[in-house]
All heavy atoms as atom14 arrays in JSON, in Angstrom:
{
  "sequence": "CEVRVISAHRTPEEAHEFASRAKDNGTEVIICAAG",
  "atom14_mask": [
    [1, 1, 1, 1, 1, 1, 0, 0, 0, 0, 0, 0, 0, 0],
    [1, 1, 1, 1, 1, 1, 1, 1, 1, 0, 0, 0, 0, 0],
    [1, 1, 1, 1, 1, 1, 1, 0, 0, 0, 0, 0, 0, 0],
    [1, 1, 1, 1, 1, 1, 1, 1, 1, 1, 1, 0, 0, 0],
    [1, 1, 1, 1, 1, 1, 1, 0, 0, 0, 0, 0, 0, 0],
    [1, 1, 1, 1, 1, 1, 1, 1, 0, 0, 0, 0, 0, 0],
    [1, 1, 1, 1, 1, 1, 0, 0, 0, 0, 0, 0, 0, 0],
    [1, 1, 1, 1, 1, 0, 0, 0, 0, 0, 0, 0, 0, 0],
    [1, 1, 1, 1, 1, 1, 1, 1, 1, 1, 0, 0, 0, 0],
    [1, 1, 1, 1, 1, 1, 1, 1, 1, 1, 1, 0, 0, 0],
    [1, 1, 1, 1, 1, 1, 1, 0, 0, 0, 0, 0, 0, 0],
    [1, 1, 1, 1, 1, 1, 1, 0, 0, 0, 0, 0, 0, 0],
    [1, 1, 1, 1, 1, 1, 1, 1, 1, 0, 0, 0, 0, 0],
    [1, 1, 1, 1, 1, 1, 1, 1, 1, 0, 0, 0, 0, 0],
    [1, 1, 1, 1, 1, 0, 0, 0, 0, 0, 0, 0, 0, 0],
    [1, 1, 1, 1, 1, 1, 1, 1, 1, 1, 0, 0, 0, 0],
    [1, 1, 1, 1, 1, 1, 1, 1, 1, 0, 0, 0, 0, 0],
    [1, 1, 1, 1, 1, 1, 1, 1, 1, 1, 1, 0, 0, 0],
    [1, 1, 1, 1, 1, 0, 0, 0, 0, 0, 0, 0, 0, 0],
    [1, 1, 1, 1, 1, 1, 0, 0, 0, 0, 0, 0, 0, 0],
    [1, 1, 1, 1, 1, 1, 1, 1, 1, 1, 1, 0, 0, 0],
    [1, 1, 1, 1, 1, 0, 0, 0, 0, 0, 0, 0, 0, 0],
    [1, 1, 1, 1, 1, 1, 1, 1, 1, 0, 0, 0, 0, 0],
    [1, 1, 1, 1, 1, 1, 1, 1, 0, 0, 0, 0, 0, 0],
    [1, 1, 1, 1, 1, 1, 1, 1, 0, 0, 0, 0, 0, 0],
    [1, 1, 1, 1, 0, 0, 0, 0, 0, 0, 0, 0, 0, 0],
    [1, 1, 1, 1, 1, 1, 1, 0, 0, 0, 0, 0, 0, 0],
    [1, 1, 1, 1, 1, 1, 1, 1, 1, 0, 0, 0, 0, 0],
    [1, 1, 1, 1, 1, 1, 1, 0, 0, 0, 0, 0, 0, 0],
    [1, 1, 1, 1, 1, 1, 1, 1, 0, 0, 0, 0, 0, 0],
    [1, 1, 1, 1, 1, 1, 1, 1, 0, 0, 0, 0, 0, 0],
    [1, 1, 1, 1, 1, 1, 0, 0, 0, 0, 0, 0, 0, 0],
    [1, 1, 1, 1, 1, 0, 0, 0, 0, 0, 0, 0, 0, 0],
    [1, 1, 1, 1, 1, 0, 0, 0, 0, 0, 0, 0, 0, 0],
    [1, 1, 1, 1, 0, 0, 0, 0, 0, 0, 0, 0, 0, 0]
  ],
  "atom14_positions": [
    [[12.15, -16.72, 9.97], [10.89, -16.75, 9.22], [9.8, -15.99, 9.95], [9.53, -16.26, 11.11], [10.4, -18.19, 9.07], [10.91, -18.95, 7.59], [0.0, 0.0, 0.0], [0.0, 0.0, 0.0], [0.0, 0.0, 0.0], [0.0, 0.0, 0.0], [0.0, 0.0, 0.0], [0.0, 0.0, 0.0], [0.0, 0.0, 0.0], [0.0, 0.0, 0.0]],
    [[9.18, -15.09, 9.23], [7.96, -14.46, 9.71], [6.82, -15.15, 8.96], [6.82, -15.18, 7.73], [7.96, -12.96, 9.41], [6.7, -12.27, 9.84], [6.69, -10.77, 9.54], [7.66, -10.27, 8.93], [5.71, -10.12, 9.91], [0.0, 0.0, 0.0], [0.0, 0.0, 0.0], [0.0, 0.0, 0.0], [0.0, 0.0, 0.0], [0.0, 0.0, 0.0]],
    [[5.88, -15.71, 9.67], [4.77, -16.44, 9.05], [3.47, -15.75, 9.43], [3.19, -15.54, 10.61], [4.76, -17.92, 9.5], [3.65, -18.69, 8.8], [6.11, -18.58, 9.23], [0.0, 0.0, 0.0], [0.0, 0.0, 0.0], [0.0, 0.0, 0.0], [0.0, 0.0, 0.0], [0.0, 0.0, 0.0], [0.0, 0.0, 0.0], [0.0, 0.0, 0.0]],
    [[2.69, -15.4, 8.39], [1.47, -14.62, 8.62], [0.3, -15.16, 7.81], [0.49, -15.79, 6.78], [1.7, -13.17, 8.18], [2.82, -12.4, 8.87], [2.43, -11.87, 10.22], [1.2, -11.12, 10.21], [1.09, -9.82, 9.94], [2.17, -9.1, 9.66], [-0.09, -9.22, 9.96], [0.0, 0.0, 0.0], [0.0, 0.0, 0.0], [0.0, 0.0, 0.0]],
    [[-0.91, -14.86, 8.28], [-2.14, -15.06, 7.51], [-2.63, -13.66, 7.13], [-2.96, -12.86, 8.0], [-3.23, -15.79, 8.31], [-4.52, -15.88, 7.51], [-2.77, -17.18, 8.73], [0.0, 0.0, 0.0], [0.0, 0.0, 0.0], [0.0, 0.0, 0.0], [0.0, 0.0, 0.0], [0.0, 0.0, 0.0], [0.0, 0.0, 0.0], [0.0, 0.0, 0.0]],
    [[-2.62, -13.4, 5.82], [-3.07, -12.11, 5.3], [-3.8, -12.4, 4.0], [-3.26, -13.04, 3.1], [-1.89, -11.15, 5.03], [-1.08, -10.89, 6.31], [-2.39, -9.84, 4.43], [0.19, -10.09, 6.09], [0.0, 0.0, 0.0], [0.0, 0.0, 0.0], [0.0, 0.0, 0.0], [0.0, 0.0, 0.0], [0.0, 0.0, 0.0], [0.0, 0.0, 0.0]],
    [[-5.01, -11.93, 3.89], [-5.8, -12.18, 2.69], [-5.77, -10.99, 1.75], [-6.0, -9.85, 2.18], [-7.24, -12.49, 3.09], [-8.07, -12.54, 1.95], [0.0, 0.0, 0.0], [0.0, 0.0, 0.0], [0.0, 0.0, 0.0], [0.0, 0.0, 0.0], [0.0, 0.0, 0.0], [0.0, 0.0, 0.0], [0.0, 0.0, 0.0], [0.0, 0.0, 0.0]],
    [[-5.53, -11.26, 0.47], [-5.55, -10.19, -0.53], [-6.93, -9.57, -0.65], [-7.06, -8.37, -0.93], [-5.12, -10.75, -1.89], [0.0, 0.0, 0.0], [0.0, 0.0, 0.0], [0.0, 0.0, 0.0], [0.0, 0.0, 0.0], [0.0, 0.0, 0.0], [0.0, 0.0, 0.0], [0.0, 0.0, 0.0], [0.0, 0.0, 0.0], [0.0, 0.0, 0.0]],
    [[-7.96, -10.36, -0.39], [-9.33, -9.9, -0.59], [-10.03, -9.49, 0.71], [-10.81, -8.53, 0.72], [-10.17, -11.0, -1.27], [-9.59, -11.41, -2.57], [-8.98, -12.63, -2.76], [-9.48, -10.76, -3.74], [-8.55, -12.72, -4.0], [-8.83, -11.59, -4.62], [0.0, 0.0, 0.0], [0.0, 0.0, 0.0], [0.0, 0.0, 0.0], [0.0, 0.0, 0.0]],
    [[-9.75, -10.2, 1.79], [-10.44, -9.91, 3.05], [-9.71, -8.94, 3.95], [-10.32, -8.31, 4.81], [-10.73, -11.22, 3.78], [-11.7, -12.11, 3.0], [-11.81, -13.47, 3.62], [-10.51, -14.15, 3.46], [-10.36, -15.42, 3.16], [-11.41, -16.19, 3.0], [-9.17, -15.95, 3.04], [0.0, 0.0, 0.0], [0.0, 0.0, 0.0], [0.0, 0.0, 0.0]],
    [[-8.39, -8.82, 3.76], [-7.61, -7.84, 4.54], [-6.64, -7.11, 3.61], [-5.42, -7.15, 3.79], [-6.84, -8.53, 5.69], [-5.96, -9.53, 5.15], [-7.77, -9.16, 6.72], [0.0, 0.0, 0.0], [0.0, 0.0, 0.0], [0.0, 0.0, 0.0], [0.0, 0.0, 0.0], [0.0, 0.0, 0.0], [0.0, 0.0, 0.0], [0.0, 0.0, 0.0]],
    [[-7.15, -6.4, 2.61], [-6.26, -5.75, 1.64], [-5.38, -4.67, 2.25], [-4.24, -4.48, 1.81], [-7.23, -5.16, 0.61], [-8.54, -5.05, 1.3], [-8.57, -6.18, 2.3], [0.0, 0.0, 0.0], [0.0, 0.0, 0.0], [0.0, 0.0, 0.0], [0.0, 0.0, 0.0], [0.0, 0.0, 0.0], [0.0, 0.0, 0.0], [0.0, 0.0, 0.0]],
    [[-5.88, -3.98, 3.26], [-5.04, -2.94, 3.88], [-3.84, -3.58, 4.58], [-2.72, -3.06, 4.49], [-5.85, -2.11, 4.9], [-6.95, -1.27, 4.28], [-8.27, -2.04, 4.08], [-8.38, -3.22, 4.51], [-9.19, -1.47, 3.49], [0.0, 0.0, 0.0], [0.0, 0.0, 0.0], [0.0, 0.0, 0.0], [0.0, 0.0, 0.0], [0.0, 0.0, 0.0]],
    [[-4.06, -4.69, 5.26], [-2.96, -5.39, 5.93], [-1.96, -5.92, 4.91], [-0.75, -5.89, 5.13], [-3.49, -6.53, 6.8], [-4.18, -6.08, 8.08], [-5.65, -5.71, 7.89], [-6.12, -5.54, 6.74], [-6.34, -5.57, 8.92], [0.0, 0.0, 0.0], [0.0, 0.0, 0.0], [0.0, 0.0, 0.0], [0.0, 0.0, 0.0], [0.0, 0.0, 0.0]],
    [[-2.46, -6.42, 3.77], [-1.57, -6.93, 2.71], [-0.68, -5.8, 2.19], [0.54, -5.97, 2.04], [-2.39, -7.54, 1.57], [0.0, 0.0, 0.0], [0.0, 0.0, 0.0], [0.0, 0.0, 0.0], [0.0, 0.0, 0.0], [0.0, 0.0, 0.0], [0.0, 0.0, 0.0], [0.0, 0.0, 0.0], [0.0, 0.0, 0.0], [0.0, 0.0, 0.0]],
    [[-1.28, -4.66, 1.93], [-0.52, -3.5, 1.43], [0.51, -3.05, 2.47], [1.68, -2.82, 2.13], [-1.48, -2.35, 1.1], [-0.78, -1.13, 0.62], [-0.35, -0.14, 1.48], [-0.38, -0.74, -0.62], [0.25, 0.81, 0.79], [0.25, 0.46, -0.48], [0.0, 0.0, 0.0], [0.0, 0.0, 0.0], [0.0, 0.0, 0.0], [0.0, 0.0, 0.0]],
    [[0.09, -2.93, 3.72], [1.0, -2.49, 4.78], [2.15, -3.48, 4.96], [3.32, -3.08, 5.07], [0.24, -2.32, 6.09], [1.12, -1.83, 7.22], [0.35, -1.64, 8.52], [-0.88, -1.46, 8.49], [1.0, -1.68, 9.57], [0.0, 0.0, 0.0], [0.0, 0.0, 0.0], [0.0, 0.0, 0.0], [0.0, 0.0, 0.0], [0.0, 0.0, 0.0]],
    [[1.83, -4.77, 4.99], [2.87, -5.8, 5.14], [3.91, -5.68, 4.03], [5.11, -5.64, 4.27], [2.26, -7.2, 5.16], [3.29, -8.28, 5.12], [3.92, -8.68, 6.28], [3.66, -8.86, 3.92], [4.92, -9.67, 6.23], [4.64, -9.84, 3.86], [5.27, -10.24, 5.02], [0.0, 0.0, 0.0], [0.0, 0.0, 0.0], [0.0, 0.0, 0.0]],
    [[3.44, -5.66, 2.78], [4.34, -5.61, 1.64], [5.16, -4.33, 1.63], [6.37, -4.36, 1.35], [3.55, -5.74, 0.34], [0.0, 0.0, 0.0], [0.0, 0.0, 0.0], [0.0, 0.0, 0.0], [0.0, 0.0, 0.0], [0.0, 0.0, 0.0], [0.0, 0.0, 0.0], [0.0, 0.0, 0.0], [0.0, 0.0, 0.0], [0.0, 0.0, 0.0]],
    [[4.53, -3.22, 1.93], [5.21, -1.92, 1.92], [6.32, -1.83, 2.96], [7.31, -1.14, 2.76], [4.2, -0.8, 2.16], [3.25, -0.78, 1.13], [0.0, 0.0, 0.0], [0.0, 0.0, 0.0], [0.0, 0.0, 0.0], [0.0, 0.0, 0.0], [0.0, 0.0, 0.0], [0.0, 0.0, 0.0], [0.0, 0.0, 0.0], [0.0, 0.0, 0.0]],
    [[6.16, -2.55, 4.06], [7.13, -2.47, 5.16], [8.1, -3.65, 5.21], [9.02, -3.65, 6.03], [6.39, -2.37, 6.49], [5.62, -1.08, 6.62], [4.99, -0.95, 7.97], [4.25, 0.31, 8.04], [3.63, 0.72, 9.11], [3.64, 0.0, 10.2], [2.98, 1.87, 9.09], [0.0, 0.0, 0.0], [0.0, 0.0, 0.0], [0.0, 0.0, 0.0]],
    [[7.89, -4.65, 4.38], [8.68, -5.88, 4.47], [10.18, -5.63, 4.38], [10.95, -6.14, 5.19], [8.23, -6.87, 3.39], [0.0, 0.0, 0.0], [0.0, 0.0, 0.0], [0.0, 0.0, 0.0], [0.0, 0.0, 0.0], [0.0, 0.0, 0.0], [0.0, 0.0, 0.0], [0.0, 0.0, 0.0], [0.0, 0.0, 0.0], [0.0, 0.0, 0.0]],
    [[10.6, -4.88, 3.4], [12.03, -4.62, 3.22], [12.62, -3.89, 4.42], [13.69, -4.26, 4.91], [12.27, -3.82, 1.93], [13.71, -3.76, 1.51], [13.84, -3.14, 0.13], [15.27, -3.22, -0.34], [15.41, -2.69, -1.7], [0.0, 0.0, 0.0], [0.0, 0.0, 0.0], [0.0, 0.0, 0.0], [0.0, 0.0, 0.0], [0.0, 0.0, 0.0]],
    [[11.92, -2.88, 4.91], [12.39, -2.15, 6.1], [12.43, -3.03, 7.34], [13.2, -2.77, 8.26], [11.49, -0.93, 6.37], [11.65, 0.16, 5.32], [12.69, 0.18, 4.63], [10.72, 0.97, 5.17], [0.0, 0.0, 0.0], [0.0, 0.0, 0.0], [0.0, 0.0, 0.0], [0.0, 0.0, 0.0], [0.0, 0.0, 0.0], [0.0, 0.0, 0.0]],
    [[11.6, -4.09, 7.36], [11.59, -5.03, 8.49], [12.65, -6.11, 8.36], [12.7, -7.03, 9.17], [10.2, -5.67, 8.63], [9.17, -4.68, 9.13], [9.5, -3.69, 9.78], [7.91, -4.94, 8.83], [0.0, 0.0, 0.0], [0.0, 0.0, 0.0], [0.0, 0.0, 0.0], [0.0, 0.0, 0.0], [0.0, 0.0, 0.0], [0.0, 0.0, 0.0]],
    [[13.49, -6.02, 7.32], [14.58, -6.97, 7.16], [14.27, -8.18, 6.3], [15.13, -9.03, 6.09], [0.0, 0.0, 0.0], [0.0, 0.0, 0.0], [0.0, 0.0, 0.0], [0.0, 0.0, 0.0], [0.0, 0.0, 0.0], [0.0, 0.0, 0.0], [0.0, 0.0, 0.0], [0.0, 0.0, 0.0], [0.0, 0.0, 0.0], [0.0, 0.0, 0.0]],
    [[13.06, -8.28, 5.81], [12.69, -9.4, 4.95], [13.43, -9.27, 3.62], [13.58, -8.17, 3.09], [11.17, -9.41, 4.71], [10.52, -9.56, 5.98], [10.75, -10.54, 3.8], [0.0, 0.0, 0.0], [0.0, 0.0, 0.0], [0.0, 0.0, 0.0], [0.0, 0.0, 0.0], [0.0, 0.0, 0.0], [0.0, 0.0, 0.0], [0.0, 0.0, 0.0]],
    [[13.89, -10.43, 3.09], [14.65, -10.42, 1.84], [13.96, -11.19, 0.72], [14.32, -11.01, -0.45], [16.05, -10.97, 2.1], [16.83, -10.07, 3.06], [18.1, -10.7, 3.55], [18.02, -11.59, 4.43], [19.18, -10.31, 3.06], [0.0, 0.0, 0.0], [0.0, 0.0, 0.0], [0.0, 0.0, 0.0], [0.0, 0.0, 0.0], [0.0, 0.0, 0.0]],
    [[13.03, -12.02, 1.05], [12.26, -12.78, 0.06], [10.92, -13.15, 0.71], [10.85, -13.37, 1.92], [13.03, -14.03, -0.43], [13.31, -15.01, 0.69], [12.31, -14.72, -1.58], [0.0, 0.0, 0.0], [0.0, 0.0, 0.0], [0.0, 0.0, 0.0], [0.0, 0.0, 0.0], [0.0, 0.0, 0.0], [0.0, 0.0, 0.0], [0.0, 0.0, 0.0]],
    [[9.86, -13.19, -0.11], [8.52, -13.47, 0.42], [7.9, -14.63, -0.36], [7.9, -14.62, -1.59], [7.6, -12.23, 0.3], [8.21, -11.03, 1.02], [6.2, -12.54, 0.85], [7.5, -9.71, 0.75], [0.0, 0.0, 0.0], [0.0, 0.0, 0.0], [0.0, 0.0, 0.0], [0.0, 0.0, 0.0], [0.0, 0.0, 0.0], [0.0, 0.0, 0.0]],
    [[7.38, -15.6, 0.37], [6.61, -16.69, -0.22], [5.15, -16.4, 0.08], [4.79, -16.13, 1.23], [7.01, -18.05, 0.38], [8.47, -18.38, 0.04], [6.06, -19.16, -0.12], [9.02, -19.59, 0.77], [0.0, 0.0, 0.0], [0.0, 0.0, 0.0], [0.0, 0.0, 0.0], [0.0, 0.0, 0.0], [0.0, 0.0, 0.0], [0.0, 0.0, 0.0]],
    [[4.3, -16.48, -0.95], [2.87, -16.22, -0.78], [2.08, -17.44, -1.23], [2.13, -17.82, -2.41], [2.43, -15.02, -1.6], [3.14, -13.47, -1.05], [0.0, 0.0, 0.0], [0.0, 0.0, 0.0], [0.0, 0.0, 0.0], [0.0, 0.0, 0.0], [0.0, 0.0, 0.0], [0.0, 0.0, 0.0], [0.0, 0.0, 0.0], [0.0, 0.0, 0.0]],
    [[1.35, -18.05, -0.32], [0.53, -19.22, -0.64], [-0.93, -18.81, -0.69], [-1.42, -18.1, 0.2], [0.71, -20.3, 0.42], [0.0, 0.0, 0.0], [0.0, 0.0, 0.0], [0.0, 0.0, 0.0], [0.0, 0.0, 0.0], [0.0, 0.0, 0.0], [0.0, 0.0, 0.0], [0.0, 0.0, 0.0], [0.0, 0.0, 0.0], [0.0, 0.0, 0.0]],
    [[-1.61, -19.24, -1.74], [-3.03, -18.92, -1.86], [-3.71, -19.91, -2.79], [-3.07, -20.49, -3.68], [-3.21, -17.49, -2.39], [0.0, 0.0, 0.0], [0.0, 0.0, 0.0], [0.0, 0.0, 0.0], [0.0, 0.0, 0.0], [0.0, 0.0, 0.0], [0.0, 0.0, 0.0], [0.0, 0.0, 0.0], [0.0, 0.0, 0.0], [0.0, 0.0, 0.0]],
    [[-4.99, -20.08, -2.58], [-5.79, -20.95, -3.44], [-6.87, -20.15, -4.13], [-7.06, -18.96, -3.89], [0.0, 0.0, 0.0], [0.0, 0.0, 0.0], [0.0, 0.0, 0.0], [0.0, 0.0, 0.0], [0.0, 0.0, 0.0], [0.0, 0.0, 0.0], [0.0, 0.0, 0.0], [0.0, 0.0, 0.0], [0.0, 0.0, 0.0], [0.0, 0.0, 0.0]]
  ]
}
């Protein structure tokens, strides 16, 4: 498990980078928690 804090609104660049690289980093499924 890779567990991260990434905000769609406060860190959009990090969210985009994380998602874009997830598959190449070996991730196979992503759970996203938000309120």
